[in-house]
Amino acid sequence: MISLFKKQKYEILQKAILGILIILLISCSNNVGLETQTSPQNQIDQLQLVTLDTQKVVMGQTVYVPVYSHIYHFDQQNNPINLSATLSIRNTDMTHSIIITTVRYYDTKGQLIREFIRNPVELKPLASTDVFIQTNDTTGGLGANFIVEWVALQTVYEPVIEAVMISTASSQGISFISPGRVLKQYRQPN
């Protein structure tokens, strides 16, 4: 009887140790390689810098993109849901690059928060790039926006410029898209 009790106690102890080892292995394996899996915060930083000859510009636009760093719920403004936002710039032309000259982020009051590029960068045909605003970055406020300026050295199809906001904090995920609106358009006369 005593040996059966010791055997059961030994089996329980073995299972507990095995369970702890499995938990440790899983928790360690989730962190393995994180340095290699994380990409730069903003892919726009990876684009090739170009020297822009403004005399050769054929067309371009200034685009306003509304962004929401949070939204309200439960009929009250004291319960905001913070949102992450991704500004997406997509070159829809199949043969020609566009040149992004400005990506600026403004807050609700129209104050410049951040400038994401200092020099013009090339976005190749059918390529895309993005700028990411983290969920905990609420500096933009409810009325945040991006101003994106782009030009082209040939006639091109206009890029798709939009923001995607998302939150997975509640039991129901929230996501929506905010399309860019052209404020200024430039086309060289034929």
N, C-alpha and C. Protein backbone atom coordinates (compact mmCIF):
# COMPACT_ATOMS: atom_id res chain seq x y z
N MET A 1 0.83 -1.19 0.00
CA MET A 1 0.00 0.00 0.00
C MET A 1 0.87 1.25 0.00
N ILE A 2 1.92 1.26 0.84
CA ILE A 2 2.80 2.41 0.92
C ILE A 2 3.56 2.56 -0.39
N SER A 3 3.96 1.45 -0.99
CA SER A 3 4.70 1.54 -2.24
C SER A 3 3.80 2.05 -3.36
N LEU A 4 2.51 1.71 -3.37
CA LEU A 4 1.55 2.23 -4.36
C LEU A 4 1.39 3.74 -4.19
N PHE A 5 1.31 4.20 -2.94
CA PHE A 5 1.19 5.63 -2.64
C PHE A 5 2.44 6.38 -3.13
N LYS A 6 3.63 5.82 -2.86
CA LYS A 6 4.87 6.44 -3.31
C LYS A 6 4.94 6.48 -4.83
N LYS A 7 4.46 5.41 -5.48
CA LYS A 7 4.47 5.34 -6.94
C LYS A 7 3.57 6.43 -7.53
N GLN A 8 2.37 6.62 -6.97
CA GLN A 8 1.45 7.65 -7.45
C GLN A 8 2.03 9.04 -7.23
N LYS A 9 2.64 9.23 -6.08
CA LYS A 9 3.26 10.52 -5.77
C LYS A 9 4.40 10.80 -6.75
N TYR A 10 5.18 9.78 -7.05
CA TYR A 10 6.28 9.91 -7.99
C TYR A 10 5.76 10.24 -9.39
N GLU A 11 4.67 9.59 -9.83
CA GLU A 11 4.08 9.86 -11.15
C GLU A 11 3.53 11.28 -11.23
N ILE A 12 2.91 11.76 -10.18
CA ILE A 12 2.39 13.13 -10.15
C ILE A 12 3.54 14.12 -10.24
N LEU A 13 4.60 13.84 -9.50
CA LEU A 13 5.78 14.71 -9.53
C LEU A 13 6.40 14.73 -10.93
N GLN A 14 6.48 13.57 -11.58
CA GLN A 14 7.01 13.50 -12.94
C GLN A 14 6.16 14.33 -13.91
N LYS A 15 4.84 14.21 -13.80
CA LYS A 15 3.95 14.96 -14.68
C LYS A 15 4.07 16.47 -14.43
N ALA A 16 4.22 16.86 -13.19
CA ALA A 16 4.37 18.29 -12.87
C ALA A 16 5.66 18.83 -13.46
N ILE A 17 6.75 18.08 -13.31
CA ILE A 17 8.03 18.51 -13.87
C ILE A 17 7.95 18.58 -15.39
N LEU A 18 7.34 17.58 -16.01
CA LEU A 18 7.18 17.57 -17.46
C LEU A 18 6.35 18.78 -17.91
N GLY A 19 5.28 19.08 -17.19
CA GLY A 19 4.45 20.24 -17.52
C GLY A 19 5.22 21.55 -17.43
N ILE A 20 6.02 21.68 -16.38
CA ILE A 20 6.83 22.89 -16.20
C ILE A 20 7.85 23.01 -17.34
N LEU A 21 8.48 21.90 -17.71
CA LEU A 21 9.44 21.92 -18.81
C LEU A 21 8.78 22.32 -20.13
N ILE A 22 7.60 21.80 -20.39
CA ILE A 22 6.88 22.15 -21.62
C ILE A 22 6.55 23.64 -21.63
N ILE A 23 6.08 24.16 -20.52
CA ILE A 23 5.76 25.59 -20.43
C ILE A 23 7.01 26.43 -20.67
N LEU A 24 8.12 26.03 -20.06
CA LEU A 24 9.38 26.76 -20.25
C LEU A 24 9.83 26.72 -21.71
N LEU A 25 9.74 25.56 -22.34
CA LEU A 25 10.14 25.44 -23.73
C LEU A 25 9.28 26.30 -24.65
N ILE A 26 7.98 26.29 -24.41
CA ILE A 26 7.07 27.10 -25.23
C ILE A 26 7.35 28.58 -25.04
N SER A 27 7.52 29.00 -23.80
CA SER A 27 7.75 30.43 -23.57
C SER A 27 9.10 30.87 -24.13
N CYS A 28 10.09 30.00 -24.09
CA CYS A 28 11.39 30.36 -24.66
C CYS A 28 11.34 30.36 -26.18
N SER A 29 10.62 29.41 -26.78
CA SER A 29 10.59 29.34 -28.24
C SER A 29 9.81 30.50 -28.84
N ASN A 30 8.89 31.11 -28.12
CA ASN A 30 8.16 32.26 -28.64
C ASN A 30 9.04 33.47 -28.80
N ASN A 31 10.14 33.55 -28.05
CA ASN A 31 11.02 34.71 -28.13
C ASN A 31 12.23 34.48 -29.02
N VAL A 32 12.42 33.24 -29.47
CA VAL A 32 13.58 32.93 -30.29
C VAL A 32 13.45 33.63 -31.64
N GLY A 33 14.48 34.34 -32.03
CA GLY A 33 14.51 34.95 -33.35
C GLY A 33 13.69 36.21 -33.50
N LEU A 34 13.24 36.80 -32.43
CA LEU A 34 12.44 38.01 -32.56
C LEU A 34 13.22 39.12 -33.24
N GLU A 35 14.51 39.17 -33.00
CA GLU A 35 15.31 40.22 -33.61
C GLU A 35 15.30 40.10 -35.13
N THR A 36 15.27 38.87 -35.64
CA THR A 36 15.29 38.69 -37.08
C THR A 36 13.90 38.82 -37.68
N GLN A 37 12.85 38.64 -36.88
CA GLN A 37 11.50 38.72 -37.41
C GLN A 37 10.98 40.14 -37.47
N THR A 38 11.45 41.02 -36.62
CA THR A 38 10.93 42.37 -36.60
C THR A 38 11.50 43.14 -37.77
N SER A 39 10.63 43.89 -38.44
CA SER A 39 11.07 44.69 -39.57
C SER A 39 11.14 46.14 -39.13
N PRO A 40 11.74 46.99 -39.94
CA PRO A 40 11.78 48.40 -39.58
C PRO A 40 10.37 48.92 -39.36
N GLN A 41 10.23 49.88 -38.46
CA GLN A 41 8.90 50.38 -38.13
C GLN A 41 8.20 50.95 -39.34
N ASN A 42 8.92 51.67 -40.17
CA ASN A 42 8.33 52.28 -41.35
C ASN A 42 9.11 51.86 -42.58
N GLN A 43 8.42 51.21 -43.50
CA GLN A 43 9.09 50.73 -44.70
C GLN A 43 9.55 51.87 -45.59
N ILE A 44 8.94 53.03 -45.44
CA ILE A 44 9.34 54.18 -46.27
C ILE A 44 10.82 54.51 -46.06
N ASP A 45 11.34 54.17 -44.88
CA ASP A 45 12.76 54.40 -44.59
C ASP A 45 13.68 53.55 -45.47
N GLN A 46 13.14 52.49 -46.05
CA GLN A 46 13.94 51.57 -46.85
C GLN A 46 13.98 51.93 -48.33
N LEU A 47 13.21 52.95 -48.75
CA LEU A 47 13.17 53.32 -50.16
C LEU A 47 14.45 54.05 -50.57
N GLN A 48 14.75 53.97 -51.86
CA GLN A 48 15.96 54.58 -52.39
C GLN A 48 15.80 56.09 -52.49
N LEU A 49 16.77 56.82 -51.95
CA LEU A 49 16.79 58.27 -52.07
C LEU A 49 17.11 58.64 -53.52
N VAL A 50 16.48 59.73 -54.00
CA VAL A 50 16.74 60.19 -55.36
C VAL A 50 16.97 61.70 -55.35
N THR A 51 17.69 62.15 -56.35
CA THR A 51 17.86 63.59 -56.56
C THR A 51 16.77 64.01 -57.54
N LEU A 52 15.97 64.97 -57.15
CA LEU A 52 14.82 65.38 -57.96
C LEU A 52 15.16 66.62 -58.77
N ASP A 53 15.03 66.51 -60.08
CA ASP A 53 15.16 67.66 -60.97
C ASP A 53 13.74 68.17 -61.22
N THR A 54 13.37 69.24 -60.55
CA THR A 54 11.98 69.75 -60.62
C THR A 54 11.61 70.19 -62.03
N GLN A 55 12.60 70.48 -62.88
CA GLN A 55 12.32 70.86 -64.27
C GLN A 55 11.74 69.70 -65.08
N LYS A 56 12.00 68.47 -64.63
CA LYS A 56 11.54 67.28 -65.36
C LYS A 56 10.22 66.72 -64.84
N VAL A 57 9.66 67.34 -63.80
CA VAL A 57 8.41 66.85 -63.22
C VAL A 57 7.26 67.08 -64.20
N VAL A 58 6.51 66.02 -64.48
CA VAL A 58 5.39 66.07 -65.42
C VAL A 58 4.06 66.17 -64.68
N MET A 59 3.97 65.56 -63.54
CA MET A 59 2.72 65.57 -62.77
C MET A 59 3.00 65.29 -61.31
N GLY A 60 2.01 65.57 -60.46
CA GLY A 60 2.14 65.29 -59.04
C GLY A 60 0.89 65.72 -58.29
N GLN A 61 0.84 65.38 -57.01
CA GLN A 61 -0.32 65.71 -56.17
C GLN A 61 0.12 65.97 -54.74
N THR A 62 -0.72 66.73 -54.04
CA THR A 62 -0.68 66.83 -52.59
C THR A 62 -1.94 66.14 -52.10
N VAL A 63 -1.79 65.13 -51.24
CA VAL A 63 -2.91 64.31 -50.80
C VAL A 63 -3.07 64.41 -49.29
N TYR A 64 -4.31 64.64 -48.84
CA TYR A 64 -4.68 64.70 -47.42
C TYR A 64 -5.27 63.35 -47.04
N VAL A 65 -4.76 62.75 -45.96
CA VAL A 65 -5.26 61.44 -45.52
C VAL A 65 -5.68 61.54 -44.05
N PRO A 66 -6.99 61.48 -43.75
CA PRO A 66 -7.43 61.51 -42.35
C PRO A 66 -7.00 60.25 -41.61
N VAL A 67 -6.61 60.43 -40.35
CA VAL A 67 -6.18 59.32 -39.51
C VAL A 67 -6.80 59.50 -38.13
N TYR A 68 -7.17 58.41 -37.50
CA TYR A 68 -7.76 58.46 -36.16
C TYR A 68 -6.85 57.69 -35.22
N SER A 69 -6.27 58.36 -34.22
CA SER A 69 -5.44 57.64 -33.25
C SER A 69 -6.30 57.01 -32.17
N HIS A 70 -7.55 57.46 -32.07
CA HIS A 70 -8.52 56.82 -31.18
C HIS A 70 -9.93 57.19 -31.64
N ILE A 71 -10.90 56.41 -31.19
CA ILE A 71 -12.31 56.71 -31.41
C ILE A 71 -13.04 56.51 -30.08
N TYR A 72 -14.23 57.08 -29.98
CA TYR A 72 -15.00 56.97 -28.74
C TYR A 72 -16.04 55.86 -28.86
N HIS A 73 -16.42 55.31 -27.70
CA HIS A 73 -17.47 54.30 -27.68
C HIS A 73 -18.25 54.41 -26.38
N PHE A 74 -19.32 53.66 -26.28
CA PHE A 74 -20.22 53.68 -25.12
C PHE A 74 -20.86 55.05 -24.91
N ASP A 75 -21.08 55.79 -25.99
CA ASP A 75 -21.74 57.10 -25.93
C ASP A 75 -21.03 58.08 -25.01
N GLN A 76 -19.75 57.89 -24.78
CA GLN A 76 -19.00 58.79 -23.90
C GLN A 76 -17.62 59.05 -24.48
N GLN A 77 -17.12 60.25 -24.23
CA GLN A 77 -15.78 60.58 -24.71
C GLN A 77 -14.69 60.15 -23.73
N ASN A 78 -15.06 59.68 -22.55
CA ASN A 78 -14.03 59.28 -21.60
C ASN A 78 -13.69 57.79 -21.72
N ASN A 79 -14.19 57.13 -22.74
CA ASN A 79 -13.86 55.72 -22.99
C ASN A 79 -13.31 55.54 -24.40
N PRO A 80 -12.16 56.12 -24.70
CA PRO A 80 -11.65 55.97 -26.07
C PRO A 80 -11.05 54.59 -26.31
N ILE A 81 -11.11 54.18 -27.56
CA ILE A 81 -10.41 52.98 -28.01
C ILE A 81 -9.22 53.47 -28.84
N ASN A 82 -8.02 53.17 -28.40
CA ASN A 82 -6.82 53.56 -29.16
C ASN A 82 -6.68 52.69 -30.39
N LEU A 83 -6.22 53.29 -31.47
CA LEU A 83 -6.08 52.59 -32.75
C LEU A 83 -4.65 52.69 -33.25
N SER A 84 -4.18 51.65 -33.87
CA SER A 84 -2.93 51.78 -34.63
C SER A 84 -3.34 52.21 -36.03
N ALA A 85 -2.44 52.90 -36.71
CA ALA A 85 -2.75 53.38 -38.05
C ALA A 85 -1.59 53.08 -38.98
N THR A 86 -1.92 52.64 -40.17
CA THR A 86 -0.93 52.41 -41.20
C THR A 86 -1.28 53.26 -42.41
N LEU A 87 -0.38 54.17 -42.75
CA LEU A 87 -0.52 54.92 -43.99
C LEU A 87 0.08 54.06 -45.09
N SER A 88 -0.70 53.80 -46.12
CA SER A 88 -0.25 52.97 -47.24
C SER A 88 -0.18 53.83 -48.50
N ILE A 89 0.96 53.76 -49.17
CA ILE A 89 1.16 54.47 -50.44
C ILE A 89 1.48 53.40 -51.48
N ARG A 90 0.63 53.28 -52.51
CA ARG A 90 0.77 52.21 -53.51
C ARG A 90 0.89 52.80 -54.90
N ASN A 91 1.99 52.53 -55.54
CA ASN A 91 2.18 52.98 -56.91
C ASN A 91 1.41 52.04 -57.82
N THR A 92 0.38 52.54 -58.49
CA THR A 92 -0.47 51.70 -59.33
C THR A 92 0.02 51.64 -60.78
N ASP A 93 1.06 52.38 -61.10
CA ASP A 93 1.56 52.37 -62.48
C ASP A 93 2.42 51.13 -62.70
N MET A 94 2.20 50.47 -63.83
CA MET A 94 2.90 49.21 -64.10
C MET A 94 4.30 49.40 -64.69
N THR A 95 4.61 50.61 -65.16
CA THR A 95 5.90 50.78 -65.84
C THR A 95 6.77 51.91 -65.29
N HIS A 96 6.18 52.87 -64.59
CA HIS A 96 6.95 54.03 -64.16
C HIS A 96 6.93 54.20 -62.64
N SER A 97 8.04 54.67 -62.12
CA SER A 97 8.15 54.98 -60.69
C SER A 97 7.48 56.32 -60.41
N ILE A 98 7.14 56.52 -59.14
CA ILE A 98 6.76 57.85 -58.66
C ILE A 98 7.80 58.25 -57.62
N ILE A 99 7.84 59.52 -57.33
CA ILE A 99 8.78 60.03 -56.32
C ILE A 99 7.97 60.66 -55.20
N ILE A 100 8.15 60.14 -54.00
CA ILE A 100 7.47 60.69 -52.83
C ILE A 100 8.37 61.78 -52.26
N THR A 101 7.83 62.99 -52.16
CA THR A 101 8.65 64.12 -51.71
C THR A 101 8.35 64.53 -50.28
N THR A 102 7.14 64.22 -49.79
CA THR A 102 6.75 64.64 -48.45
C THR A 102 5.82 63.62 -47.83
N VAL A 103 6.06 63.26 -46.58
CA VAL A 103 5.10 62.53 -45.75
C VAL A 103 5.16 63.18 -44.37
N ARG A 104 4.13 63.97 -44.06
CA ARG A 104 4.08 64.69 -42.78
C ARG A 104 2.84 64.26 -42.00
N TYR A 105 3.00 64.17 -40.68
CA TYR A 105 1.93 63.74 -39.78
C TYR A 105 1.55 64.92 -38.89
N TYR A 106 0.26 65.30 -38.91
CA TYR A 106 -0.25 66.44 -38.15
C TYR A 106 -1.25 65.99 -37.10
N ASP A 107 -1.38 66.78 -36.03
CA ASP A 107 -2.35 66.46 -34.98
C ASP A 107 -3.68 67.16 -35.24
N THR A 108 -4.61 66.98 -34.30
CA THR A 108 -5.95 67.55 -34.38
C THR A 108 -5.93 69.06 -34.57
N LYS A 109 -4.95 69.73 -33.99
CA LYS A 109 -4.87 71.19 -34.07
C LYS A 109 -4.12 71.67 -35.31
N GLY A 110 -3.70 70.75 -36.17
CA GLY A 110 -2.97 71.13 -37.38
C GLY A 110 -1.50 71.37 -37.16
N GLN A 111 -0.99 70.95 -35.99
CA GLN A 111 0.43 71.12 -35.68
C GLN A 111 1.21 69.91 -36.21
N LEU A 112 2.35 70.18 -36.83
CA LEU A 112 3.20 69.11 -37.34
C LEU A 112 3.76 68.29 -36.18
N ILE A 113 3.54 67.00 -36.23
CA ILE A 113 4.08 66.08 -35.21
C ILE A 113 5.39 65.48 -35.70
N ARG A 114 5.38 64.96 -36.93
CA ARG A 114 6.54 64.25 -37.45
C ARG A 114 6.63 64.38 -38.96
N GLU A 115 7.84 64.44 -39.43
CA GLU A 115 8.09 64.40 -40.87
C GLU A 115 8.83 63.09 -41.12
N PHE A 116 8.27 62.23 -41.97
CA PHE A 116 8.81 60.89 -42.12
C PHE A 116 9.89 60.76 -43.18
N ILE A 117 9.98 61.70 -44.10
CA ILE A 117 11.11 61.68 -45.04
C ILE A 117 11.68 63.08 -45.17
N ARG A 118 12.97 63.15 -45.30
CA ARG A 118 13.66 64.45 -45.43
C ARG A 118 14.05 64.72 -46.89
N ASN A 119 14.22 63.66 -47.65
CA ASN A 119 14.63 63.78 -49.06
C ASN A 119 13.70 62.93 -49.92
N PRO A 120 13.57 63.27 -51.20
CA PRO A 120 12.69 62.49 -52.08
C PRO A 120 13.14 61.03 -52.16
N VAL A 121 12.14 60.14 -52.25
CA VAL A 121 12.41 58.70 -52.37
C VAL A 121 11.60 58.15 -53.54
N GLU A 122 12.14 57.11 -54.16
CA GLU A 122 11.51 56.50 -55.33
C GLU A 122 10.66 55.31 -54.91
N LEU A 123 9.43 55.27 -55.45
CA LEU A 123 8.56 54.11 -55.27
C LEU A 123 8.39 53.47 -56.64
N LYS A 124 8.96 52.30 -56.80
CA LYS A 124 9.02 51.60 -58.08
C LYS A 124 7.62 51.22 -58.57
N PRO A 125 7.50 50.84 -59.86
CA PRO A 125 6.20 50.43 -60.41
C PRO A 125 5.58 49.29 -59.60
N LEU A 126 4.32 49.43 -59.29
CA LEU A 126 3.52 48.46 -58.52
C LEU A 126 4.04 48.20 -57.11
N ALA A 127 4.96 49.02 -56.64
CA ALA A 127 5.49 48.86 -55.28
C ALA A 127 4.61 49.61 -54.29
N SER A 128 4.74 49.24 -53.04
CA SER A 128 4.00 49.88 -51.95
C SER A 128 4.95 50.20 -50.82
N THR A 129 4.57 51.16 -50.02
CA THR A 129 5.32 51.48 -48.82
C THR A 129 4.34 51.91 -47.75
N ASP A 130 4.80 52.01 -46.52
CA ASP A 130 3.89 52.39 -45.45
C ASP A 130 4.60 53.14 -44.35
N VAL A 131 3.78 53.80 -43.55
CA VAL A 131 4.21 54.46 -42.32
C VAL A 131 3.27 53.95 -41.24
N PHE A 132 3.82 53.52 -40.11
CA PHE A 132 3.02 52.92 -39.04
C PHE A 132 3.01 53.82 -37.81
N ILE A 133 1.81 54.05 -37.28
CA ILE A 133 1.64 54.78 -36.02
C ILE A 133 1.12 53.77 -34.99
N GLN A 134 1.85 53.59 -33.91
CA GLN A 134 1.52 52.58 -32.91
C GLN A 134 0.24 52.92 -32.15
N THR A 135 -0.38 51.89 -31.61
CA THR A 135 -1.63 52.04 -30.86
C THR A 135 -1.47 52.99 -29.68
N ASN A 136 -0.35 52.94 -29.01
CA ASN A 136 -0.17 53.79 -27.82
C ASN A 136 0.28 55.21 -28.17
N ASP A 137 0.46 55.51 -29.45
CA ASP A 137 0.82 56.87 -29.88
C ASP A 137 -0.47 57.64 -30.19
N THR A 138 -0.93 58.41 -29.21
CA THR A 138 -2.18 59.16 -29.37
C THR A 138 -1.91 60.65 -29.59
N THR A 139 -0.68 60.99 -29.96
CA THR A 139 -0.33 62.41 -30.13
C THR A 139 -1.14 63.07 -31.24
N GLY A 140 -1.57 62.30 -32.22
CA GLY A 140 -2.34 62.87 -33.32
C GLY A 140 -3.75 63.26 -32.92
N GLY A 141 -4.34 62.49 -32.03
CA GLY A 141 -5.71 62.77 -31.61
C GLY A 141 -6.73 62.29 -32.62
N LEU A 142 -7.97 62.66 -32.37
CA LEU A 142 -9.09 62.22 -33.20
C LEU A 142 -9.04 62.81 -34.61
N GLY A 143 -8.42 63.96 -34.77
CA GLY A 143 -8.37 64.63 -36.07
C GLY A 143 -7.01 64.62 -36.72
N ALA A 144 -6.20 63.62 -36.44
CA ALA A 144 -4.86 63.54 -37.03
C ALA A 144 -4.95 63.37 -38.54
N ASN A 145 -3.87 63.70 -39.23
CA ASN A 145 -3.85 63.51 -40.68
C ASN A 145 -2.42 63.45 -41.20
N PHE A 146 -2.31 62.87 -42.38
CA PHE A 146 -1.06 62.87 -43.12
C PHE A 146 -1.21 63.78 -44.33
N ILE A 147 -0.13 64.44 -44.69
CA ILE A 147 -0.03 65.12 -45.98
C ILE A 147 1.07 64.38 -46.74
N VAL A 148 0.70 63.87 -47.92
CA VAL A 148 1.64 63.14 -48.77
C VAL A 148 1.75 63.91 -50.08
N GLU A 149 2.97 64.17 -50.49
CA GLU A 149 3.20 64.81 -51.79
C GLU A 149 4.05 63.87 -52.64
N TRP A 150 3.65 63.72 -53.87
CA TRP A 150 4.38 62.87 -54.80
C TRP A 150 4.44 63.54 -56.16
N VAL A 151 5.45 63.18 -56.95
CA VAL A 151 5.60 63.67 -58.31
C VAL A 151 6.03 62.51 -59.20
N ALA A 152 5.95 62.74 -60.51
CA ALA A 152 6.41 61.74 -61.48
C ALA A 152 7.10 62.46 -62.63
N LEU A 153 8.05 61.77 -63.22
CA LEU A 153 8.80 62.33 -64.34
C LEU A 153 8.18 61.92 -65.68
N GLN A 154 7.17 61.06 -65.64
CA GLN A 154 6.37 60.66 -66.80
C GLN A 154 4.91 60.69 -66.36
N THR A 155 4.01 60.65 -67.32
CA THR A 155 2.60 60.54 -66.97
C THR A 155 2.38 59.14 -66.39
N VAL A 156 1.76 59.08 -65.20
CA VAL A 156 1.53 57.81 -64.50
C VAL A 156 0.08 57.74 -64.02
N TYR A 157 -0.34 56.55 -63.68
CA TYR A 157 -1.62 56.39 -62.99
C TYR A 157 -1.42 56.88 -61.55
N GLU A 158 -2.44 57.53 -61.02
CA GLU A 158 -2.34 58.06 -59.65
C GLU A 158 -2.16 56.93 -58.65
N PRO A 159 -1.33 57.13 -57.64
CA PRO A 159 -1.17 56.10 -56.60
C PRO A 159 -2.41 56.03 -55.72
N VAL A 160 -2.57 54.90 -55.06
CA VAL A 160 -3.60 54.75 -54.04
C VAL A 160 -2.94 55.10 -52.71
N ILE A 161 -3.50 56.11 -52.04
CA ILE A 161 -2.95 56.55 -50.75
C ILE A 161 -4.10 56.53 -49.76
N GLU A 162 -3.96 55.71 -48.71
CA GLU A 162 -5.03 55.56 -47.73
C GLU A 162 -4.44 55.17 -46.39
N ALA A 163 -5.27 55.29 -45.36
CA ALA A 163 -4.86 54.86 -44.02
C ALA A 163 -5.78 53.73 -43.57
N VAL A 164 -5.20 52.78 -42.87
CA VAL A 164 -5.95 51.68 -42.29
C VAL A 164 -5.77 51.77 -40.78
N MET A 165 -6.88 51.89 -40.07
CA MET A 165 -6.84 51.94 -38.61
C MET A 165 -7.39 50.62 -38.07
N ILE A 166 -6.80 50.16 -36.95
CA ILE A 166 -7.22 48.88 -36.38
C ILE A 166 -7.04 48.88 -34.87
N SER A 167 -7.93 48.14 -34.20
CA SER A 167 -7.77 47.86 -32.78
C SER A 167 -8.24 46.44 -32.53
N THR A 168 -7.48 45.72 -31.74
CA THR A 168 -7.88 44.37 -31.35
C THR A 168 -8.00 44.28 -29.84
N ALA A 169 -8.18 45.42 -29.19
CA ALA A 169 -8.19 45.47 -27.73
C ALA A 169 -9.46 44.86 -27.13
N SER A 170 -10.58 44.99 -27.79
CA SER A 170 -11.82 44.46 -27.23
C SER A 170 -12.09 43.08 -27.80
N SER A 171 -13.19 42.48 -27.39
CA SER A 171 -13.51 41.14 -27.89
C SER A 171 -13.87 41.18 -29.37
N GLN A 172 -14.27 42.35 -29.86
CA GLN A 172 -14.55 42.52 -31.28
C GLN A 172 -13.50 43.46 -31.86
N GLY A 173 -12.79 43.02 -32.87
CA GLY A 173 -11.80 43.87 -33.50
C GLY A 173 -12.46 44.98 -34.30
N ILE A 174 -11.79 46.11 -34.38
CA ILE A 174 -12.29 47.25 -35.14
C ILE A 174 -11.26 47.56 -36.21
N SER A 175 -11.71 47.75 -37.44
CA SER A 175 -10.80 48.20 -38.49
C SER A 175 -11.59 48.99 -39.52
N PHE A 176 -10.96 50.01 -40.06
CA PHE A 176 -11.58 50.77 -41.14
C PHE A 176 -10.51 51.49 -41.95
N ILE A 177 -10.92 51.90 -43.14
CA ILE A 177 -10.02 52.55 -44.08
C ILE A 177 -10.44 53.99 -44.27
N SER A 178 -9.46 54.86 -44.40
CA SER A 178 -9.70 56.27 -44.65
C SER A 178 -8.96 56.65 -45.93
N PRO A 179 -9.68 56.89 -47.02
CA PRO A 179 -9.01 57.19 -48.29
C PRO A 179 -8.42 58.59 -48.31
N GLY A 180 -7.35 58.75 -49.07
CA GLY A 180 -6.75 60.07 -49.24
C GLY A 180 -7.60 60.93 -50.16
N ARG A 181 -7.49 62.25 -49.99
CA ARG A 181 -8.21 63.21 -50.83
C ARG A 181 -7.21 64.19 -51.43
N VAL A 182 -7.30 64.38 -52.72
CA VAL A 182 -6.36 65.25 -53.42
C VAL A 182 -6.67 66.70 -53.07
N LEU A 183 -5.67 67.42 -52.55
CA LEU A 183 -5.81 68.85 -52.25
C LEU A 183 -5.30 69.71 -53.41
N LYS A 184 -4.20 69.27 -54.01
CA LYS A 184 -3.61 70.00 -55.13
C LYS A 184 -3.17 68.99 -56.17
N GLN A 185 -3.30 69.39 -57.42
CA GLN A 185 -2.88 68.53 -58.50
C GLN A 185 -2.02 69.34 -59.46
N TYR A 186 -0.94 68.73 -59.91
CA TYR A 186 -0.06 69.40 -60.86
C TYR A 186 0.07 68.52 -62.10
N ARG A 187 -0.16 69.11 -63.25
CA ARG A 187 0.10 68.43 -64.53
C ARG A 187 0.76 69.42 -65.46
N GLN A 188 1.84 68.99 -66.05
CA GLN A 188 2.51 69.85 -67.01
C GLN A 188 1.64 69.92 -68.27
N PRO A 189 1.42 71.12 -68.80
CA PRO A 189 0.62 71.22 -70.03
C PRO A 189 1.28 70.47 -71.18
N ASN A 190 0.45 69.87 -72.02
CA ASN A 190 0.98 69.09 -73.16
C ASN A 190 1.59 69.98 -74.19
